[in-house]
Every structure is written in structure tokens, then in C-alpha cells.
C-alpha atoms as a PDB file:
ATOM      1  CA  UNK A   1      -0.085   0.001   0.023  1.00  0.00           C
ATOM      2  CA  UNK A   2       2.994   2.360  -0.211  1.00  0.00           C
ATOM      3  CA  UNK A   3       1.542   3.929  -3.307  1.00  0.00           C
ATOM      4  CA  UNK A   4      -1.820   4.568  -1.603  1.00  0.00           C
ATOM      5  CA  UNK A   5      -2.570   8.243  -1.316  1.00  0.00           C
ATOM      6  CA  UNK A   6      -4.131   7.755   2.067  1.00  0.00           C
ATOM      7  CA  UNK A   7      -0.773   6.474   3.482  1.00  0.00           C
ATOM      8  CA  UNK A   8       1.582   9.093   4.695  1.00  0.00           C
ATOM      9  CA  UNK A   9       4.791   9.018   6.660  1.00  0.00           C
ATOM     10  CA  UNK A  10       7.461  11.586   7.305  1.00  0.00           C
ATOM     11  CA  UNK A  11      10.554  11.675   9.428  1.00  0.00           C
ATOM     12  CA  UNK A  12      12.114  14.761  10.904  1.00  0.00           C
ATOM     13  CA  UNK A  13      15.253  14.469   8.875  1.00  0.00           C
ATOM     14  CA  UNK A  14      13.187  14.779   5.689  1.00  0.00           C
ATOM     15  CA  UNK A  15      11.014  17.648   7.069  1.00  0.00           C
ATOM     16  CA  UNK A  16      12.333  20.886   5.705  1.00  0.00           C
ATOM     17  CA  UNK A  17      10.879  22.873   8.688  1.00  0.00           C
ATOM     18  CA  UNK A  18      13.518  21.516  11.159  1.00  0.00           C
ATOM     19  CA  UNK A  19      16.420  22.157   8.780  1.00  0.00           C
ATOM     20  CA  UNK A  20      15.232  25.715   8.133  1.00  0.00           C
ATOM     21  CA  UNK A  21      14.910  26.407  11.878  1.00  0.00           C
ATOM     22  CA  UNK A  22      18.504  24.924  12.316  1.00  0.00           C
ATOM     23  CA  UNK A  23      19.776  27.276   9.496  1.00  0.00           C
ATOM     24  CA  UNK A  24      18.037  30.361  11.044  1.00  0.00           C
ATOM     25  CA  UNK A  25      19.523  29.548  14.427  1.00  0.00           C
ATOM     26  CA  UNK A  26      22.937  29.148  13.004  1.00  0.00           C
ATOM     27  CA  UNK A  27      22.534  32.497  11.130  1.00  0.00           C
ATOM     28  CA  UNK A  28      21.626  34.238  14.419  1.00  0.00           C
ATOM     29  CA  UNK A  29      24.612  32.664  16.214  1.00  0.00           C
ATOM     30  CA  UNK A  30      26.958  33.672  13.337  1.00  0.00           C
ATOM     31  CA  UNK A  31      25.607  37.209  13.359  1.00  0.00           C
ATOM     32  CA  UNK A  32      26.064  37.494  17.108  1.00  0.00           C
ATOM     33  CA  UNK A  33      29.722  36.489  16.665  1.00  0.00           C
ATOM     34  CA  UNK A  34      30.501  38.805  13.810  1.00  0.00           C
ATOM     35  CA  UNK A  35      28.811  41.991  15.040  1.00  0.00           C
ATOM     36  CA  UNK A  36      30.640  44.011  17.723  1.00  0.00           C
ATOM     37  CA  UNK A  37      28.007  44.978  20.416  1.00  0.00           C
ATOM     38  CA  UNK A  38      29.547  48.518  20.772  1.00  0.00           C
ATOM     39  CA  UNK A  39      29.100  49.093  17.085  1.00  0.00           C
ATOM     40  CA  UNK A  40      25.429  48.146  17.040  1.00  0.00           C
ATOM     41  CA  UNK A  41      24.169  51.721  16.667  1.00  0.00           C
ATOM     42  CA  UNK A  42      21.854  53.484  14.388  1.00  0.00           C
ATOM     43  CA  UNK A  43      22.590  56.524  12.171  1.00  0.00           C
ATOM     44  CA  UNK A  44      21.387  58.887  14.843  1.00  0.00           C
ATOM     45  CA  UNK A  45      23.685  57.435  17.467  1.00  0.00           C
ATOM     46  CA  UNK A  46      21.299  55.287  19.526  1.00  0.00           C
ATOM     47  CA  UNK A  47      22.996  52.008  20.546  1.00  0.00           C
ATOM     48  CA  UNK A  48      21.572  48.744  21.836  1.00  0.00           C
ATOM     49  CA  UNK A  49      24.659  46.588  22.638  1.00  0.00           C
ATOM     50  CA  UNK A  50      22.432  43.997  24.396  1.00  0.00           C
ATOM     51  CA  UNK A  51      20.764  42.951  21.141  1.00  0.00           C
ATOM     52  CA  UNK A  52      23.820  41.158  19.852  1.00  0.00           C
ATOM     53  CA  UNK A  53      24.108  38.678  22.680  1.00  0.00           C
ATOM     54  CA  UNK A  54      20.347  38.256  22.687  1.00  0.00           C
ATOM     55  CA  UNK A  55      20.448  37.311  18.996  1.00  0.00           C
ATOM     56  CA  UNK A  56      23.063  34.702  19.890  1.00  0.00           C
ATOM     57  CA  UNK A  57      20.990  33.256  22.702  1.00  0.00           C
ATOM     58  CA  UNK A  58      17.940  33.144  20.402  1.00  0.00           C
ATOM     59  CA  UNK A  59      19.994  31.410  17.765  1.00  0.00           C
ATOM     60  CA  UNK A  60      21.328  28.833  20.269  1.00  0.00           C
ATOM     61  CA  UNK A  61      17.658  28.215  21.394  1.00  0.00           C
ATOM     62  CA  UNK A  62      16.568  27.683  17.771  1.00  0.00           C
ATOM     63  CA  UNK A  63      19.375  25.209  17.206  1.00  0.00           C
ATOM     64  CA  UNK A  64      18.474  23.299  20.279  1.00  0.00           C
ATOM     65  CA  UNK A  65      14.825  23.146  19.368  1.00  0.00           C
ATOM     66  CA  UNK A  66      15.742  21.852  15.825  1.00  0.00           C
ATOM     67  CA  UNK A  67      18.431  19.425  16.993  1.00  0.00           C
ATOM     68  CA  UNK A  68      16.019  17.493  19.217  1.00  0.00           C
ATOM     69  CA  UNK A  69      13.800  16.087  16.497  1.00  0.00           C
ATOM     70  CA  UNK A  70      16.640  15.859  14.043  1.00  0.00           C
ATOM     71  CA  UNK A  71      18.822  13.796  16.332  1.00  0.00           C
ATOM     72  CA  UNK A  72      15.837  11.611  17.523  1.00  0.00           C
ATOM     73  CA  UNK A  73      14.603  11.522  13.899  1.00  0.00           C
ATOM     74  CA  UNK A  74      10.934  11.532  15.030  1.00  0.00           C
ATOM     75  CA  UNK A  75       8.331  10.210  12.763  1.00  0.00           C
ATOM     76  CA  UNK A  76       4.691  11.185  11.977  1.00  0.00           C
ATOM     77  CA  UNK A  77       2.089   9.857   9.709  1.00  0.00           C
ATOM     78  CA  UNK A  78      -1.025   7.945   9.083  1.00  0.00           C
ATOM     79  CA  UNK A  79      -1.973   4.639   7.402  1.00  0.00           C
ATOM     80  CA  UNK A  80      -5.188   3.159   6.168  1.00  0.00           C
ATOM     81  CA  UNK A  81      -5.364  -0.615   6.651  1.00  0.00           C
ATOM     82  CA  UNK A  82      -8.159  -1.633   4.264  1.00  0.00           C
ATOM     83  CA  UNK A  83      -7.927  -5.329   5.160  1.00  0.00           C
ATOM     84  CA  UNK A  84      -8.724  -4.637   8.830  1.00  0.00           C
ATOM     85  CA  UNK A  85     -10.825  -1.505   8.086  1.00  0.00           C
ATOM     86  CA  UNK A  86      -8.745   0.702  10.427  1.00  0.00           C
ATOM     87  CA  UNK A  87      -7.073   4.136  10.250  1.00  0.00           C
ATOM     88  CA  UNK A  88      -3.898   4.461  12.293  1.00  0.00           C
ATOM     89  CA  UNK A  89      -1.969   7.691  13.037  1.00  0.00           C
ATOM     90  CA  UNK A  90       1.197   8.559  14.985  1.00  0.00           C
ATOM     91  CA  UNK A  91       3.507  11.423  15.814  1.00  0.00           C
ATOM     92  CA  UNK A  92       6.694  11.976  17.774  1.00  0.00           C
ATOM     93  CA  UNK A  93       7.652   8.356  17.213  1.00  0.00           C
ATOM     94  CA  UNK A  94      11.306   7.534  17.673  1.00  0.00           C
ATOM     95  CA  UNK A  95      13.531   4.614  18.201  1.00  0.00           C
ATOM     96  CA  UNK A  96      12.584   3.225  21.564  1.00  0.00           C
ATOM     97  CA  UNK A  97       9.557   5.540  21.983  1.00  0.00           C
ATOM     98  CA  UNK A  98       6.146   4.768  20.594  1.00  0.00           C
ATOM     99  CA  UNK A  99       5.094   8.368  20.537  1.00  0.00           C
ATOM    100  CA  UNK A 100       1.527   9.586  20.475  1.00  0.00           C
ATOM    101  CA  UNK A 101      -1.140   8.282  18.207  1.00  0.00           C
ATOM    102  CA  UNK A 102      -4.345   6.301  17.827  1.00  0.00           C
ATOM    103  CA  UNK A 103      -6.486   4.228  15.570  1.00  0.00           C
ATOM    104  CA  UNK A 104     -10.189   3.937  14.756  1.00  0.00           C
ATOM    105  CA  UNK A 105     -12.236   1.565  12.743  1.00  0.00           C
ATOM    106  CA  UNK A 106     -13.134   3.349   9.506  1.00  0.00           C
ATOM    107  CA  UNK A 107     -16.773   2.437  10.034  1.00  0.00           C
ATOM    108  CA  UNK A 108     -16.617   4.498  13.235  1.00  0.00           C
ATOM    109  CA  UNK A 109     -15.306   7.671  11.658  1.00  0.00           C
ATOM    110  CA  UNK A 110     -18.089  10.272  11.578  1.00  0.00           C
ATOM    111  CA  UNK A 111     -16.524  13.431  10.258  1.00  0.00           C
ATOM    112  CA  UNK A 112     -13.177  15.258   9.666  1.00  0.00           C
ATOM    113  CA  UNK A 113     -13.117  18.959  10.526  1.00  0.00           C
ATOM    114  CA  UNK A 114     -10.567  21.115   8.651  1.00  0.00           C
ATOM    115  CA  UNK A 115     -10.160  24.764   9.678  1.00  0.00           C
ATOM    116  CA  UNK A 116     -10.086  27.169   6.780  1.00  0.00           C
ATOM    117  CA  UNK A 117      -7.950  30.161   6.338  1.00  0.00           C
ATOM    118  CA  UNK A 118     -10.155  32.189   8.562  1.00  0.00           C
ATOM    119  CA  UNK A 119      -9.060  30.173  11.687  1.00  0.00           C
ATOM    120  CA  UNK A 120      -5.938  28.167  10.955  1.00  0.00           C
ATOM    121  CA  UNK A 121      -5.275  27.705  14.677  1.00  0.00           C
ATOM    122  CA  UNK A 122      -8.227  25.406  14.856  1.00  0.00           C
ATOM    123  CA  UNK A 123      -6.413  22.717  12.748  1.00  0.00           C
ATOM    124  CA  UNK A 124      -7.667  19.330  11.690  1.00  0.00           C
ATOM    125  CA  UNK A 125      -9.814  17.132  13.898  1.00  0.00           C
ATOM    126  CA  UNK A 126     -11.261  13.556  13.501  1.00  0.00           C
ATOM    127  CA  UNK A 127     -14.535  12.731  15.200  1.00  0.00           C
ATOM    128  CA  UNK A 128     -16.131   9.276  15.705  1.00  0.00           C
ATOM    129  CA  UNK A 129     -19.881   8.547  15.216  1.00  0.00           C
ATOM    130  CA  UNK A 130     -20.542   9.539  18.879  1.00  0.00           C
ATOM    131  CA  UNK A 131     -19.018  12.996  18.274  1.00  0.00           C
ATOM    132  CA  UNK A 132     -15.852  12.296  20.312  1.00  0.00           C
ATOM    133  CA  UNK A 133     -12.750  13.989  19.044  1.00  0.00           C
ATOM    134  CA  UNK A 134      -9.866  11.467  18.495  1.00  0.00           C
ATOM    135  CA  UNK A 135      -6.695  12.538  20.317  1.00  0.00           C
ATOM    136  CA  UNK A 136      -3.392  13.191  18.461  1.00  0.00           C
ATOM    137  CA  UNK A 137      -5.055  13.375  15.083  1.00  0.00           C
ATOM    138  CA  UNK A 138      -4.104  16.717  13.546  1.00  0.00           C
ATOM    139  CA  UNK A 139      -2.514  18.347  10.499  1.00  0.00           C
ATOM    140  CA  UNK A 140       0.922  16.944  11.589  1.00  0.00           C
ATOM    141  CA  UNK A 141      -0.100  13.315  10.774  1.00  0.00           C
ATOM    142  CA  UNK A 142      -1.530  14.139   7.303  1.00  0.00           C
ATOM    143  CA  UNK A 143       0.084  15.182   4.010  1.00  0.00           C
ATOM    144  CA  UNK A 144      -0.318  18.679   2.617  1.00  0.00           C
ATOM    145  CA  UNK A 145      -2.997  19.816   1.847  1.00  0.00           C
ATOM    146  CA  UNK A 146      -5.043  17.847   4.476  1.00  0.00           C
ATOM    147  CA  UNK A 147      -8.290  18.645   2.726  1.00  0.00           C
ATOM    148  CA  UNK A 148      -7.250  16.475  -0.330  1.00  0.00           C
ATOM    149  CA  UNK A 149      -6.382  13.588   2.022  1.00  0.00           C
ATOM    150  CA  UNK A 150      -9.740  13.864   3.755  1.00  0.00           C
ATOM    151  CA  UNK A 151     -11.739  14.140   0.558  1.00  0.00           C
ATOM    152  CA  UNK A 152      -9.962  11.064  -0.771  1.00  0.00           C
ATOM    153  CA  UNK A 153     -10.947   9.128   2.382  1.00  0.00           C
ATOM    154  CA  UNK A 154     -14.482  10.296   2.170  1.00  0.00           C
ATOM    155  CA  UNK A 155     -14.770   9.399  -1.498  1.00  0.00           C
ATOM    156  CA  UNK A 156     -13.634   5.830  -0.542  1.00  0.00           C
ATOM    157  CA  UNK A 157     -15.962   5.706   2.551  1.00  0.00           C
ATOM    158  CA  UNK A 158     -19.118   7.901   1.739  1.00  0.00           C
ATOM    159  CA  UNK A 159     -20.406   7.806   5.327  1.00  0.00           C
ATOM    160  CA  UNK A 160     -17.514  10.183   6.356  1.00  0.00           C
ATOM    161  CA  UNK A 161     -18.324  13.879   6.274  1.00  0.00           C
ATOM    162  CA  UNK A 162     -15.657  16.429   5.524  1.00  0.00           C
ATOM    163  CA  UNK A 163     -16.322  19.749   7.125  1.00  0.00           C
ATOM    164  CA  UNK A 164     -14.041  22.490   5.752  1.00  0.00           C
ATOM    165  CA  UNK A 165     -14.507  25.806   7.619  1.00  0.00           C
END
């Protein structure tokens, strides 16, 4: 089922977001090492020498945040098992750590809610037939764009409602 469009898996080392965060952090650290704090002044003579070491600390923080998932090579994704009729999802999975995830019988899926551009903080949610939201199912476990994935699932299983807000 590797070619199935409903199966998705991604590891941190293949996720460009972590590499970009590492690059931005390195740029901040490099800038803090090349700019002399006493020369960090504007054209009108106002100086803020504290900004240079602050930029270095922010850069080190960004590097640390990116290094965690990259070193652990965390995994996230979802898989439809058509033989058993189940949908499985996982995130933050690493060697020796099962991470967070869940599964549900496809026949028990009621609806998938996808927040539109008006409220992107709401994200993606999966609800069972009883209206209970399934934990750890969000946009992180789905390929981009999540609406295409949800509509493909609903086309295969017509009892599933896709609600795009």
C-alpha cells in the first residue's frame, strides 16, 4: 500500500521545517559572533549593545529546538489498513519511543473537520460517530494539503463527512 494516497509517513530528517529552523538559528549565532556589540548603533547614534548577545541566545535556542527532533529522527504519519478496516496515526515516534497516536475503525469515523484560512489555529480534527474527538489526530499526521487527503478518504468511505471551515 505504499502507493496509496491515504498512507503518509514523514521523518524529521526529511522535514524541511527543522532544517530551516537549524539554519536560522545558525545565522543568528553567526551574526552575534561577527557584530561587535559596541558598534550596534543606528545612524542617529542610539545604541543597543544588548541585542547582539540576545540574538546569539535566540540562535542557540533555535538550534537546540531543531536538534532535538533531528537527532531523535521523530516520525509522524497515518496509514489506512483496508484489510482490517482501520485508520492508524502517529506522531513523535522515535527509536525506543512509541510516541503519540491512535487508531479507529473506518466504520466508526463520523467526520473530519478542517479549519479554513479564517481560523488556521483550529487545525484538523477527527470525530467518531458519537461525536468524540480523537486524540493526536491533527494536521501533523496528514500530507499537505489535508483537505485532499480527507476528501480522498470520504470518496472511498461515503459515510464520512468532511467539514471545511
